[in-house]
């Protein structure tokens, strides 16, 4: 079975019956732990979820991620629909992704759908993985965007239970994960220059996607108590991943993690297990994962994120200048952002108008994927610097 060739889903299902893919796991928590051991939860799939090889080839991390994403979606489908069959599962996944796609024409724009549900799903998953990989082409930065792929799995589970409200659920989930990541980064006792820069970047991004207070809020944490056990454990593991960037957890980070676990209703034993899991995973796979090889991984993350945004802006320079010249208000606000702090209302306008532009430029639709919002502050900061002609020709004086 070759996950990069057409027909891999049917071959995968033919080679591995439902008992190997679903029944072997002793409940949701057992399956979640298997996902974590594979690296999928951390955004780095170093293997598939099966104990036996799925291919005669050595799979890439991208291929492992694709197989694990499909396997996870399939597992949650049969949790909710135990008497259904795999064809119905595949059809449901296609409907789910098409539902997410509404309002995002760039994502499926280049896909040619057929009458085969499995072929359509293969193309959707390939696009989904590839778009995340294109967003930030380096392992150090793609770790977070790939980790957010588990958000697809949680959203699919939600979709199976209540199809309405999916968009609001996805937005709330991403806001929650980013907000907790900020708190985790802020909990570090000694912050270097790049720790501060990445905190500022992520903190600024929340102003474009959420109106929540950036201080640790029991109200926000309390809202998660009604969430599923998988959602709460995923939030905790994302926090562990965030604080583990320098391969150590100091006293204030440990206190933060304990407080999060307590308010989420997660036992201290499970917290210790989560910390041990990220330590063991990074130690065992240090030679495979570049992020864990860097002395200053947060520095890598910030620099590579900035380089990615710069490259995308410059490659689409002519089209962006044209769109900005036609945008009016957006051009004014981006220009003013260089000399003053935009208001919350203005930041919402900037976000909405930028996303409208991104929709019209295929290579920029990647900013609309999970994790893409993290880069919005860099986009806002770099556009006036990289495209000065648009602003010089349309300079607007402030009152």
Protein backbone atom coordinates (compact mmCIF):
# COMPACT_ATOMS: atom_id res chain seq x y z
CA UNK A 1 0.00 0.00 0.00
CA UNK A 2 1.37 3.37 -1.06
CA UNK A 3 -0.38 6.38 0.56
CA UNK A 4 0.93 8.62 -2.22
CA UNK A 5 -0.76 6.60 -4.99
CA UNK A 6 -4.41 6.50 -6.05
CA UNK A 7 -6.48 3.71 -4.51
CA UNK A 8 -4.59 3.56 -1.21
CA UNK A 9 -7.69 3.90 1.00
CA UNK A 10 -9.43 0.84 -0.49
CA UNK A 11 -6.19 -1.15 -0.34
CA UNK A 12 -5.66 -0.09 3.28
CA UNK A 13 -9.19 -1.20 4.20
CA UNK A 14 -8.77 -4.49 2.34
CA UNK A 15 -5.50 -5.30 4.09
CA UNK A 16 -6.64 -4.25 7.56
CA UNK A 17 -10.15 -5.30 8.63
CA UNK A 18 -12.27 -3.34 11.08
CA UNK A 19 -11.14 -5.50 14.01
CA UNK A 20 -7.53 -4.35 13.45
CA UNK A 21 -8.44 -0.70 12.93
CA UNK A 22 -11.19 -0.20 15.50
CA UNK A 23 -12.00 -3.15 17.74
CA UNK A 24 -8.41 -3.63 18.94
CA UNK A 25 -8.57 -0.35 20.89
CA UNK A 26 -10.05 -0.49 24.37
CA UNK A 27 -12.06 2.74 24.23
CA UNK A 28 -11.39 6.38 23.34
CA UNK A 29 -8.58 6.96 25.83
CA UNK A 30 -6.71 3.88 24.64
CA UNK A 31 -6.98 5.09 21.05
CA UNK A 32 -5.87 8.61 22.02
CA UNK A 33 -2.76 7.22 23.72
CA UNK A 34 -1.95 5.25 20.56
CA UNK A 35 -2.27 8.47 18.54
CA UNK A 36 0.08 10.17 20.97
CA UNK A 37 2.70 7.41 20.76
CA UNK A 38 2.64 7.66 16.97
CA UNK A 39 3.42 11.39 17.27
CA UNK A 40 0.20 12.48 15.55
CA UNK A 41 -0.96 14.50 18.59
CA UNK A 42 2.42 16.29 18.63
CA UNK A 43 2.24 17.07 14.92
CA UNK A 44 4.99 14.61 13.95
CA UNK A 45 3.75 11.17 12.88
CA UNK A 46 6.84 8.97 13.06
CA UNK A 47 4.78 5.81 12.47
CA UNK A 48 1.21 4.63 11.85
CA UNK A 49 -1.17 3.41 14.56
CA UNK A 50 -0.86 -0.24 13.55
CA UNK A 51 1.63 -2.70 15.01
CA UNK A 52 2.33 -4.20 11.59
CA UNK A 53 3.79 -2.28 8.61
CA UNK A 54 1.16 -0.83 6.28
CA UNK A 55 3.54 -0.68 3.34
CA UNK A 56 6.63 -2.35 1.94
CA UNK A 57 8.06 1.16 1.62
CA UNK A 58 9.37 3.34 4.42
CA UNK A 59 6.70 6.01 4.71
CA UNK A 60 7.49 9.70 5.04
CA UNK A 61 6.14 11.71 7.99
CA UNK A 62 3.63 13.26 5.60
CA UNK A 63 2.41 9.80 4.50
CA UNK A 64 2.23 8.58 8.10
CA UNK A 65 0.21 11.69 8.95
CA UNK A 66 -2.20 11.04 6.08
CA UNK A 67 -2.77 7.40 7.13
CA UNK A 68 -3.17 8.36 10.79
CA UNK A 69 -5.64 11.14 9.99
CA UNK A 70 -7.80 8.72 7.99
CA UNK A 71 -7.50 6.03 10.67
CA UNK A 72 -8.51 8.48 13.41
CA UNK A 73 -11.51 9.73 11.43
CA UNK A 74 -12.55 6.13 10.76
CA UNK A 75 -12.23 5.16 14.42
CA UNK A 76 -14.41 8.05 15.63
CA UNK A 77 -16.96 7.26 12.92
CA UNK A 78 -17.39 3.70 14.19
CA UNK A 79 -17.56 4.93 17.79
CA UNK A 80 -20.67 6.86 16.76
CA UNK A 81 -21.95 4.48 14.06
CA UNK A 82 -20.88 0.95 15.14
CA UNK A 83 -23.27 -0.84 12.74
CA UNK A 84 -22.32 1.17 9.64
CA UNK A 85 -19.84 0.13 6.96
CA UNK A 86 -16.63 1.66 5.62
CA UNK A 87 -18.28 3.08 2.49
CA UNK A 88 -20.75 5.02 4.64
CA UNK A 89 -17.81 6.19 6.78
CA UNK A 90 -15.92 7.47 3.74
CA UNK A 91 -19.01 9.23 2.35
CA UNK A 92 -19.53 10.92 5.73
CA UNK A 93 -15.91 12.14 5.79
CA UNK A 94 -16.30 13.69 2.33
CA UNK A 95 -19.50 15.47 3.40
CA UNK A 96 -17.71 16.68 6.55
CA UNK A 97 -14.81 18.23 4.64
CA UNK A 98 -17.15 19.77 2.08
CA UNK A 99 -19.10 21.31 4.98
CA UNK A 100 -15.89 22.80 6.40
CA UNK A 101 -15.00 24.03 2.93
CA UNK A 102 -18.03 26.29 2.58
CA UNK A 103 -16.76 29.84 2.25
CA UNK A 104 -13.20 28.69 1.51
CA UNK A 105 -13.10 28.24 -2.26
CA UNK A 106 -9.33 27.94 -2.43
CA UNK A 107 -9.11 24.64 -0.55
CA UNK A 108 -10.91 22.40 -3.08
CA UNK A 109 -10.41 24.69 -6.06
CA UNK A 110 -7.79 22.48 -7.70
CA UNK A 111 -9.46 19.14 -6.91
CA UNK A 112 -11.25 17.17 -9.61
CA UNK A 113 -13.91 15.08 -7.93
CA UNK A 114 -15.03 11.72 -9.33
CA UNK A 115 -17.95 9.39 -8.62
CA UNK A 116 -15.75 7.37 -6.26
CA UNK A 117 -16.05 8.51 -2.60
CA UNK A 118 -12.72 6.88 -1.67
CA UNK A 119 -10.88 8.64 -4.51
CA UNK A 120 -12.46 11.94 -3.51
CA UNK A 121 -11.42 11.44 0.12
CA UNK A 122 -7.86 10.60 -0.96
CA UNK A 123 -7.68 13.90 -2.84
CA UNK A 124 -9.18 15.82 0.07
CA UNK A 125 -6.74 14.33 2.61
CA UNK A 126 -3.78 14.89 0.28
CA UNK A 127 -4.81 18.54 -0.17
CA UNK A 128 -5.40 18.92 3.56
CA UNK A 129 -1.98 17.54 4.49
CA UNK A 130 -0.17 19.32 1.67
CA UNK A 131 -1.76 22.69 2.42
CA UNK A 132 -0.69 22.41 6.07
CA UNK A 133 2.79 21.44 4.94
CA UNK A 134 2.91 24.34 2.46
CA UNK A 135 1.86 26.81 5.13
CA UNK A 136 5.18 26.45 6.89
CA UNK A 137 7.62 24.23 5.04
CA UNK A 138 9.99 23.62 7.93
CA UNK A 139 9.53 20.98 10.62
CA UNK A 140 10.12 23.42 13.44
CA UNK A 141 7.14 25.55 12.53
CA UNK A 142 4.87 22.91 10.97
CA UNK A 143 4.80 21.04 14.29
CA UNK A 144 1.97 23.23 15.57
CA UNK A 145 -0.03 23.29 12.32
CA UNK A 146 0.23 19.50 12.02
CA UNK A 147 -0.73 19.09 15.68
CA UNK A 148 -3.91 21.00 14.87
CA UNK A 149 -4.90 18.22 12.45
CA UNK A 150 -6.32 16.41 15.47
CA UNK A 151 -8.77 19.30 15.47
CA UNK A 152 -10.17 17.78 12.25
CA UNK A 153 -10.77 14.55 14.15
CA UNK A 154 -12.51 16.29 17.05
CA UNK A 155 -14.59 18.37 14.64
CA UNK A 156 -15.61 15.25 12.70
CA UNK A 157 -16.73 13.64 15.95
CA UNK A 158 -18.78 16.76 16.73
CA UNK A 159 -20.20 16.71 13.18
CA UNK A 160 -21.38 13.11 13.59
CA UNK A 161 -23.25 14.02 16.77
CA UNK A 162 -24.68 17.39 15.69
CA UNK A 163 -24.01 18.56 12.11
CA UNK A 164 -25.24 22.10 12.80
CA UNK A 165 -22.87 24.62 14.34
CA UNK A 166 -19.70 23.02 12.93
CA UNK A 167 -18.13 26.33 11.87
CA UNK A 168 -18.62 27.85 15.33
CA UNK A 169 -17.21 24.71 16.94
CA UNK A 170 -14.07 24.81 14.78
CA UNK A 171 -13.48 28.50 15.45
CA UNK A 172 -13.93 28.02 19.21
CA UNK A 173 -11.57 25.03 19.20
CA UNK A 174 -8.79 26.88 17.40
CA UNK A 175 -9.22 29.93 19.65
CA UNK A 176 -8.99 27.67 22.71
CA UNK A 177 -5.82 25.91 21.53
CA UNK A 178 -4.09 29.17 20.62
CA UNK A 179 -5.15 30.84 23.89
CA UNK A 180 -3.80 27.97 25.98
CA UNK A 181 -0.59 27.94 23.93
CA UNK A 182 -0.07 31.61 24.80
CA UNK A 183 -0.59 30.94 28.49
CA UNK A 184 1.84 28.02 28.31
CA UNK A 185 4.52 30.14 26.62
CA UNK A 186 3.96 32.98 29.09
CA UNK A 187 4.45 30.63 32.04
CA UNK A 188 8.16 30.20 31.28
CA UNK A 189 10.32 31.55 34.12
CA UNK A 190 13.20 32.89 32.00
CA UNK A 191 12.25 34.14 28.55
CA UNK A 192 14.83 34.95 25.90
CA UNK A 193 14.39 37.39 23.00
CA UNK A 194 12.72 34.85 20.74
CA UNK A 195 10.44 33.53 23.48
CA UNK A 196 9.15 37.08 23.84
CA UNK A 197 8.81 37.57 20.07
CA UNK A 198 6.84 34.36 19.57
CA UNK A 199 4.58 35.20 22.54
CA UNK A 200 3.95 38.62 21.00
CA UNK A 201 3.24 37.07 17.60
CA UNK A 202 0.82 34.48 18.96
CA UNK A 203 -0.75 36.98 21.37
CA UNK A 204 -1.31 39.47 18.55
CA UNK A 205 -2.88 36.74 16.42
CA UNK A 206 -5.56 36.16 19.05
CA UNK A 207 -6.64 39.77 18.63
CA UNK A 208 -7.48 38.90 15.02
CA UNK A 209 -9.38 35.69 15.87
CA UNK A 210 -10.80 36.09 19.38
CA UNK A 211 -11.86 38.80 21.80
CA UNK A 212 -10.88 36.86 24.93
CA UNK A 213 -8.76 38.35 27.69
CA UNK A 214 -5.16 37.26 27.32
CA UNK A 215 -4.65 36.87 31.06
CA UNK A 216 -5.15 33.36 32.43
CA UNK A 217 -8.90 33.20 32.86
CA UNK A 218 -10.75 30.70 35.02
CA UNK A 219 -13.87 31.62 33.08
CA UNK A 220 -12.33 30.41 29.81
CA UNK A 221 -10.91 27.30 31.48
CA UNK A 222 -14.24 26.64 33.15
CA UNK A 223 -16.00 26.57 29.79
CA UNK A 224 -13.92 23.52 28.88
CA UNK A 225 -15.34 21.46 31.74
CA UNK A 226 -18.33 20.63 29.54
CA UNK A 227 -16.07 19.47 26.72
CA UNK A 228 -15.29 15.83 25.96
CA UNK A 229 -12.43 14.05 27.66
CA UNK A 230 -10.50 13.97 24.36
CA UNK A 231 -10.78 17.73 23.92
CA UNK A 232 -9.55 18.40 27.46
CA UNK A 233 -6.64 15.98 27.17
CA UNK A 234 -5.67 17.44 23.79
CA UNK A 235 -5.61 20.95 25.29
CA UNK A 236 -3.34 19.69 28.08
CA UNK A 237 -1.01 17.92 25.63
CA UNK A 238 -0.76 21.06 23.47
CA UNK A 239 0.25 22.96 26.63
CA UNK A 240 2.88 20.30 27.41
CA UNK A 241 4.20 20.58 23.84
CA UNK A 242 4.40 24.37 24.14
CA UNK A 243 6.36 24.40 27.41
CA UNK A 244 8.66 21.57 26.27
CA UNK A 245 10.17 23.68 23.45
CA UNK A 246 13.45 24.05 25.37
CA UNK A 247 13.44 20.40 26.53
CA UNK A 248 12.81 21.28 30.15
CA UNK A 249 9.89 22.26 32.37
CA UNK A 250 10.74 24.84 35.03
CA UNK A 251 8.89 25.45 38.29
CA UNK A 252 6.47 28.09 36.97
CA UNK A 253 5.65 25.99 33.90
CA UNK A 254 4.98 23.00 36.14
CA UNK A 255 2.68 25.12 38.34
CA UNK A 256 0.84 26.32 35.23
CA UNK A 257 0.32 22.77 33.95
CA UNK A 258 -0.95 21.63 37.35
CA UNK A 259 -3.42 24.52 37.46
CA UNK A 260 -4.69 23.75 33.95
CA UNK A 261 -5.10 20.06 34.78
CA UNK A 262 -6.93 20.87 38.01
CA UNK A 263 -9.43 23.22 36.38
CA UNK A 264 -10.00 20.80 33.49
CA UNK A 265 -10.77 18.04 35.95
CA UNK A 266 -7.76 16.00 34.83
CA UNK A 267 -5.90 13.99 37.47
CA UNK A 268 -2.35 14.85 38.48
CA UNK A 269 -1.40 11.28 37.56
CA UNK A 270 -2.54 11.87 34.00
CA UNK A 271 -0.65 15.19 33.93
CA UNK A 272 2.54 13.42 35.00
CA UNK A 273 1.88 10.82 32.32
CA UNK A 274 1.46 13.56 29.70
CA UNK A 275 4.74 15.21 30.72
CA UNK A 276 6.52 11.84 30.69
CA UNK A 277 5.06 11.12 27.24
CA UNK A 278 6.45 14.28 25.61
CA UNK A 279 9.82 13.74 27.31
CA UNK A 280 10.01 10.12 26.15
CA UNK A 281 8.82 10.93 22.64
CA UNK A 282 11.34 13.74 22.12
CA UNK A 283 14.20 11.68 23.58
CA UNK A 284 13.40 8.63 21.43
CA UNK A 285 12.95 10.62 18.23
CA UNK A 286 15.43 13.45 18.62
CA UNK A 287 17.39 12.25 15.58
CA UNK A 288 14.22 12.21 13.44
CA UNK A 289 12.67 15.53 14.46
CA UNK A 290 14.65 18.67 13.71
CA UNK A 291 12.74 20.76 16.24
CA UNK A 292 14.19 18.76 19.12
CA UNK A 293 17.72 19.20 17.76
CA UNK A 294 17.77 23.00 17.96
CA UNK A 295 19.34 24.74 20.94
CA UNK A 296 16.79 27.54 20.55
CA UNK A 297 13.75 25.97 18.82
CA UNK A 298 11.53 29.01 19.45
CA UNK A 299 14.09 31.15 17.59
CA UNK A 300 13.82 28.70 14.67
CA UNK A 301 10.03 28.86 14.82
CA UNK A 302 9.92 32.66 14.74
CA UNK A 303 12.54 33.13 12.02
CA UNK A 304 11.10 30.44 9.77
CA UNK A 305 7.56 31.76 10.22
CA UNK A 306 8.72 35.24 9.20
CA UNK A 307 10.63 33.82 6.22
CA UNK A 308 7.55 31.88 5.08
CA UNK A 309 5.28 34.94 5.19
CA UNK A 310 7.90 37.06 3.42
CA UNK A 311 8.26 34.48 0.64
CA UNK A 312 4.50 34.19 0.10
CA UNK A 313 3.97 37.96 0.05
CA UNK A 314 6.81 38.55 -2.42
CA UNK A 315 5.74 35.70 -4.73
CA UNK A 316 2.27 37.21 -4.95
CA UNK A 317 3.43 40.82 -4.99
CA UNK A 318 1.65 42.01 -8.17
CA UNK A 319 -1.68 40.43 -7.27
CA UNK A 320 -1.52 41.70 -3.68
CA UNK A 321 -0.74 45.27 -4.76
CA UNK A 322 -3.68 45.15 -7.19
CA UNK A 323 -6.06 43.81 -4.50
CA UNK A 324 -4.81 46.31 -1.90
CA UNK A 325 -5.25 49.24 -4.29
CA UNK A 326 -8.87 48.17 -4.78
CA UNK A 327 -9.50 47.53 -1.09
CA UNK A 328 -9.66 51.12 0.14
CA UNK A 329 -10.22 50.73 3.89
CA UNK A 330 -7.82 47.79 4.26
CA UNK A 331 -4.99 49.76 2.67
CA UNK A 332 -5.64 52.64 5.07
CA UNK A 333 -5.71 50.38 8.14
CA UNK A 334 -2.54 48.50 7.16
CA UNK A 335 -0.78 51.81 6.65
CA UNK A 336 -1.97 53.13 10.01
CA UNK A 337 -0.89 49.90 11.74
CA UNK A 338 2.74 50.93 11.18
CA UNK A 339 2.37 53.99 13.39
CA UNK A 340 -0.34 53.11 15.91
CA UNK A 341 -2.11 50.17 17.56
CA UNK A 342 -5.30 49.26 15.72
CA UNK A 343 -8.48 48.97 17.76
CA UNK A 344 -10.14 45.58 18.28
CA UNK A 345 -12.84 46.53 15.77
CA UNK A 346 -10.23 47.57 13.20
CA UNK A 347 -8.33 44.30 13.66
CA UNK A 348 -11.50 42.34 12.93
CA UNK A 349 -11.94 44.39 9.73
CA UNK A 350 -8.32 43.75 8.73
CA UNK A 351 -8.72 40.02 9.33
CA UNK A 352 -11.96 39.76 7.35
CA UNK A 353 -10.69 41.81 4.41
CA UNK A 354 -7.33 40.01 4.30
CA UNK A 355 -9.10 36.64 4.27
CA UNK A 356 -11.27 37.85 1.38
CA UNK A 357 -8.08 38.65 -0.55
CA UNK A 358 -6.49 35.32 0.41
CA UNK A 359 -9.55 33.49 -0.97
CA UNK A 360 -8.93 35.05 -4.38
CA UNK A 361 -5.23 34.07 -4.50
CA UNK A 362 -4.86 30.24 -4.46
CA UNK A 363 -1.37 30.12 -2.93
CA UNK A 364 -2.51 32.34 -0.04
CA UNK A 365 -5.54 30.26 0.97
CA UNK A 366 -3.15 28.40 3.29
CA UNK A 367 -3.59 31.25 5.78
CA UNK A 368 -7.20 30.10 6.19
CA UNK A 369 -6.24 26.64 7.45
CA UNK A 370 -5.89 25.70 11.13
CA UNK A 371 -2.79 27.46 12.43
CA UNK A 372 -2.79 29.97 9.59
CA UNK A 373 -4.26 32.68 11.80
CA UNK A 374 -1.07 32.55 13.87
CA UNK A 375 0.75 34.24 11.02
CA UNK A 376 -1.70 37.13 10.50
CA UNK A 377 0.30 39.57 12.68
CA UNK A 378 3.38 38.87 10.55
CA UNK A 379 1.35 39.43 7.38
CA UNK A 380 0.07 42.77 8.73
CA UNK A 381 3.58 43.77 9.80
CA UNK A 382 5.39 42.72 6.61
CA UNK A 383 2.99 43.83 3.86
CA UNK A 384 3.72 47.60 4.28
CA UNK A 385 7.47 46.86 4.37
CA UNK A 386 7.53 44.46 1.42
CA UNK A 387 5.00 46.30 -0.76
CA UNK A 388 5.83 50.00 -0.17
CA UNK A 389 4.60 51.05 -3.62
CA UNK A 390 1.00 50.27 -2.68
CA UNK A 391 1.24 52.57 0.31
CA UNK A 392 3.33 55.34 -1.26
CA UNK A 393 0.83 55.72 -4.09
CA UNK A 394 -2.14 55.71 -1.76
CA UNK A 395 -0.81 57.45 1.31
CA UNK A 396 -3.58 58.60 3.63
CA UNK A 397 -2.91 61.14 6.32
CA UNK A 398 -4.46 60.48 9.73
CA UNK A 399 -6.74 63.14 11.18
